[in-house]
Protein backbone atom coordinates (compact mmCIF):
# COMPACT_ATOMS: atom_id res chain seq x y z
CA MET A 1 49.82 -55.13 -6.61
CA LYS A 2 52.78 -53.91 -8.60
CA VAL A 3 55.79 -51.99 -7.35
CA THR A 4 57.01 -48.89 -9.16
CA ILE A 5 60.76 -48.77 -9.90
CA GLU A 6 62.47 -45.66 -11.26
CA PRO A 7 66.01 -44.68 -12.27
CA TYR A 8 67.97 -42.91 -9.54
CA ASP A 9 66.93 -39.29 -9.05
CA PRO A 10 69.24 -36.84 -7.21
CA ALA A 11 66.09 -35.17 -5.86
CA TRP A 12 65.65 -38.19 -3.56
CA GLU A 13 68.46 -36.88 -1.35
CA GLU A 14 66.71 -33.50 -1.19
CA GLU A 15 63.46 -35.26 -0.20
CA PHE A 16 65.33 -37.07 2.56
CA GLN A 17 66.86 -33.81 3.84
CA LYS A 18 63.38 -32.21 4.01
CA ALA A 19 62.00 -35.22 5.87
CA LYS A 20 65.01 -35.25 8.20
CA SER A 21 64.50 -31.56 9.06
CA SER A 22 60.84 -32.22 9.82
CA LEU A 23 61.74 -35.22 12.00
CA GLU A 24 64.41 -33.21 13.84
CA ALA A 25 61.75 -30.63 14.73
CA ILE A 26 59.28 -33.34 15.83
CA LEU A 27 61.98 -35.02 17.93
CA LYS A 28 63.47 -31.82 19.36
CA ASP A 29 62.83 -32.96 22.94
CA VAL A 30 63.77 -36.61 22.34
CA GLN A 31 67.21 -38.12 22.66
CA TYR A 32 68.18 -39.98 19.49
CA ILE A 33 71.50 -41.04 18.00
CA SER A 34 70.98 -40.13 14.33
CA ILE A 35 68.54 -39.98 11.44
CA GLU A 36 69.80 -41.97 8.45
CA HIS A 37 68.76 -42.24 4.80
CA VAL A 38 68.77 -45.97 4.04
CA GLY A 39 67.30 -48.18 1.36
CA SER A 40 67.72 -47.99 -2.39
CA THR A 41 66.97 -44.27 -2.74
CA SER A 42 70.11 -43.56 -0.69
CA ILE A 43 72.35 -45.18 -3.35
CA PRO A 44 73.29 -42.90 -6.28
CA GLY A 45 72.86 -44.68 -9.60
CA LEU A 46 70.57 -47.43 -8.27
CA PHE A 47 67.09 -48.08 -9.66
CA ALA A 48 64.67 -47.87 -6.74
CA LYS A 49 61.12 -47.82 -5.57
CA PRO A 50 60.65 -44.03 -5.12
CA VAL A 51 60.02 -44.27 -1.40
CA ILE A 52 62.41 -42.69 1.10
CA ASP A 53 63.48 -45.12 3.84
CA ILE A 54 64.50 -43.40 7.07
CA ASP A 55 66.02 -44.90 10.21
CA ILE A 56 65.76 -42.93 13.45
CA ILE A 57 68.40 -44.65 15.55
CA ILE A 58 67.78 -44.66 19.30
CA GLU A 59 68.76 -46.34 22.54
CA PRO A 60 65.97 -48.52 23.99
CA SER A 61 65.37 -45.98 26.76
CA SER A 62 64.15 -43.42 24.18
CA LEU A 63 61.53 -45.64 22.55
CA ILE A 64 58.49 -44.37 24.46
CA ALA A 65 59.44 -40.68 24.05
CA THR A 66 60.14 -41.18 20.33
CA ARG A 67 56.82 -42.96 19.81
CA THR A 68 54.93 -40.26 21.72
CA ALA A 69 56.51 -37.48 19.61
CA LEU A 70 55.85 -39.21 16.28
CA VAL A 71 52.26 -40.20 17.09
CA GLY A 72 51.66 -36.66 18.38
CA ALA A 73 52.80 -35.37 14.97
CA GLY A 74 50.31 -37.61 13.14
CA TYR A 75 52.45 -40.67 12.39
CA THR A 76 50.81 -44.10 12.72
CA ASP A 77 52.66 -46.63 14.88
CA CYS A 78 52.70 -49.98 13.03
CA GLY A 79 54.80 -51.78 15.64
CA GLU A 80 57.73 -54.04 14.87
CA MET A 81 55.99 -55.84 11.99
CA ASP A 82 57.91 -59.06 12.77
CA VAL A 83 61.32 -57.32 12.66
CA PRO A 84 62.72 -57.16 16.22
CA GLY A 85 64.12 -53.77 17.17
CA ARG A 86 62.64 -51.97 14.13
CA HIS A 87 59.44 -50.03 14.80
CA ALA A 88 57.67 -48.88 11.63
CA TYR A 89 55.69 -45.65 11.32
CA ARG A 90 53.47 -44.46 8.49
CA GLU A 91 53.72 -40.79 7.68
CA PRO A 92 50.73 -38.55 8.50
CA GLY A 93 47.76 -39.24 6.25
CA TYR A 94 48.44 -42.98 5.89
CA GLY A 95 47.18 -45.70 8.19
CA LYS A 96 48.74 -48.93 9.37
CA HIS A 97 47.89 -50.72 6.13
CA GLY A 98 48.90 -47.84 3.83
CA ALA A 99 52.15 -49.37 2.58
CA ALA A 100 54.19 -47.38 0.08
CA HIS A 101 54.62 -49.14 -3.28
CA GLY A 102 56.26 -46.23 -5.11
CA GLU A 103 53.12 -44.91 -6.76
CA ARG A 104 52.54 -41.15 -6.68
CA THR A 105 50.60 -38.44 -8.38
CA THR A 106 52.02 -35.38 -10.12
CA GLY A 107 53.38 -32.85 -7.65
CA GLU A 108 53.10 -35.18 -4.68
CA SER A 109 56.08 -35.63 -2.38
CA LEU A 110 57.64 -39.05 -2.19
CA ARG A 111 56.21 -41.44 0.36
CA ARG A 112 58.39 -42.46 3.29
CA ASN A 113 59.01 -45.51 5.39
CA THR A 114 60.09 -44.22 8.78
CA TYR A 115 61.64 -46.64 11.23
CA VAL A 116 62.56 -46.10 14.85
CA ILE A 117 65.35 -48.59 15.20
CA ILE A 118 67.26 -49.72 18.27
CA GLU A 119 71.02 -49.18 18.22
CA GLY A 120 72.81 -52.49 17.73
CA CYS A 121 69.84 -54.55 16.49
CA ALA A 122 70.16 -56.86 13.49
CA ALA A 123 67.74 -54.77 11.38
CA LEU A 124 69.93 -51.68 11.79
CA LYS A 125 73.07 -53.62 10.95
CA ASN A 126 71.30 -54.90 7.82
CA HIS A 127 70.18 -51.42 6.70
CA LEU A 128 73.60 -49.84 7.21
CA ASP A 129 75.63 -52.75 5.82
CA VAL A 130 73.51 -53.06 2.66
CA ARG A 131 73.87 -49.32 2.08
CA ARG A 132 77.63 -49.46 2.62
CA VAL A 133 78.17 -52.48 0.35
CA LEU A 134 76.03 -51.06 -2.47
CA LEU A 135 77.85 -47.73 -2.29
CA GLU A 136 81.23 -49.52 -2.49
CA ASP A 137 80.51 -52.22 -5.11
CA ALA A 138 79.40 -50.97 -8.54
CA ALA A 139 78.94 -54.48 -9.98
CA LEU A 140 76.70 -55.55 -7.12
CA ARG A 141 74.78 -52.26 -7.38
CA GLU A 142 74.14 -52.97 -11.10
CA GLU A 143 73.04 -56.55 -10.38
CA TYR A 144 70.70 -55.43 -7.60
CA GLY A 145 69.22 -52.68 -9.80
CA ALA A 146 68.55 -55.21 -12.59
CA LEU A 147 66.77 -57.48 -10.11
CA LYS A 148 64.61 -54.60 -8.89
CA CYS A 149 63.65 -53.74 -12.49
CA ALA A 150 62.73 -57.38 -13.19
CA LEU A 151 60.57 -57.48 -10.05
CA ALA A 152 58.68 -54.38 -11.21
CA ASP A 153 57.06 -56.52 -13.91
CA ARG A 154 55.58 -58.97 -11.40
CA GLU A 155 52.38 -58.91 -9.37
CA PHE A 156 52.61 -59.34 -5.59
CA ASP A 157 49.97 -60.19 -3.02
CA HIS A 158 51.45 -57.64 -0.58
CA ILE A 159 54.50 -55.40 -0.23
CA GLY A 160 56.26 -57.93 1.99
CA ALA A 161 56.33 -60.40 -0.91
CA TYR A 162 58.33 -57.91 -2.99
């Protein structure tokens, strides 16, 4: 499989805001800390796989209620996928093995990776620190974007290899 990489698009932030509003409605009865736009599409100027990465940050005590609300809204629970404290969900219409590679058809909304992530876990620290560093360091942002573009030319056995 190949991964699609595109130049930064300001519409990605709009896509996140729409997804966030939908998630806020789904989670209206659930206690959560915040809903964050993470990943490459959250970094203006960065080439990215056009997939919106979303972290729903919670305390451990809210995990069952969050899962129940998301599954009730049609999301597929993929579990931690070997990343402790980060529970992955596929958006409605996609199953556990329906990973988002950046491909889309005309008029289709961007795919999303939605994570329910435990406050204080290493995966959350990674998501937030990478976002912060890439926003602050233009040279590193350019280097990372060039790497992503180079990887777009390669074939991968699965999305985890990317």
